[in-house]
Amino acid sequence: MKKLTTIALKPETKQKLERYRLGRESYNELVNRLLSETLPRKFPTLRELKEMRKDEYIPLEEVVERLGL
């Protein structure tokens, strides 16, 4: 069995995440899905991370629209 970890979240944060879950999707699946939709396709270098602007990411609202949520 794979080892799991615990991440502490405020109840409000958990409620926000709950809105994006699909069916019986686990939080692990949810977080990975959201990350795959919002992060750049290649891993940026440290230098690139420092230079990135907010508009280089896909806004969460657009992710929701793309997924039909």
Protein backbone atom coordinates (compact mmCIF):
# COMPACT_ATOMS: atom_id res chain seq x y z
CA MET A 1 0.00 0.00 0.00
CA LYS A 2 1.26 3.48 -0.85
CA LYS A 3 2.13 5.80 2.00
CA LEU A 4 -0.22 8.77 2.42
CA THR A 5 0.35 12.11 4.12
CA THR A 6 -1.89 14.58 5.87
CA ILE A 7 -2.21 18.21 4.84
CA ALA A 8 -3.80 20.62 7.29
CA LEU A 9 -6.45 22.85 5.75
CA LYS A 10 -8.79 25.40 7.23
CA PRO A 11 -12.42 24.26 7.05
CA GLU A 12 -13.15 27.10 4.60
CA THR A 13 -10.41 25.86 2.28
CA LYS A 14 -11.75 22.32 2.38
CA GLN A 15 -15.23 23.64 1.53
CA LYS A 16 -13.81 25.50 -1.47
CA LEU A 17 -12.05 22.36 -2.68
CA GLU A 18 -15.20 20.31 -2.22
CA ARG A 19 -16.94 22.37 -4.93
CA TYR A 20 -14.43 21.14 -7.51
CA ARG A 21 -14.64 17.41 -6.73
CA LEU A 22 -16.10 15.17 -9.42
CA GLY A 23 -18.31 12.44 -8.04
CA ARG A 24 -16.44 10.34 -5.49
CA GLU A 25 -13.06 11.74 -6.54
CA SER A 26 -10.47 11.65 -3.76
CA TYR A 27 -8.79 14.84 -2.64
CA ASN A 28 -5.54 13.44 -4.00
CA GLU A 29 -7.15 12.99 -7.43
CA LEU A 30 -8.74 16.43 -7.20
CA VAL A 31 -5.50 18.23 -6.34
CA ASN A 32 -3.59 16.42 -9.09
CA ARG A 33 -6.31 17.22 -11.65
CA LEU A 34 -6.31 20.89 -10.71
CA LEU A 35 -2.52 21.03 -10.82
CA SER A 36 -2.36 19.37 -14.22
CA GLU A 37 -4.84 21.93 -15.58
CA THR A 38 -3.20 25.01 -14.09
CA LEU A 39 0.55 24.43 -14.08
CA PRO A 40 2.73 25.04 -17.12
CA ARG A 41 3.24 21.95 -19.29
CA LYS A 42 6.97 21.78 -18.50
CA PHE A 43 8.60 22.21 -15.13
CA PRO A 44 10.05 25.73 -14.94
CA THR A 45 13.57 26.43 -13.76
CA LEU A 46 14.08 28.43 -10.57
CA ARG A 47 14.98 31.45 -12.69
CA GLU A 48 11.79 31.06 -14.73
CA LEU A 49 9.72 30.74 -11.57
CA LYS A 50 11.11 34.04 -10.32
CA GLU A 51 10.24 35.72 -13.63
CA MET A 52 6.77 34.28 -14.11
CA ARG A 53 3.86 36.62 -14.20
CA LYS A 54 0.40 35.85 -12.95
CA ASP A 55 -1.06 35.76 -16.48
CA GLU A 56 1.12 32.81 -17.49
CA TYR A 57 -1.15 30.46 -15.57
CA ILE A 58 -4.62 29.35 -16.56
CA PRO A 59 -7.11 31.09 -14.24
CA LEU A 60 -9.10 28.72 -12.05
CA GLU A 61 -12.33 30.02 -13.58
CA GLU A 62 -11.11 28.95 -17.01
CA VAL A 63 -10.19 25.51 -15.67
CA VAL A 64 -13.70 25.15 -14.26
CA GLU A 65 -15.16 26.17 -17.62
CA ARG A 66 -12.91 23.75 -19.56
CA LEU A 67 -13.95 20.90 -17.26
CA GLY A 68 -17.62 21.83 -17.51
CA LEU A 69 -18.07 22.28 -13.77
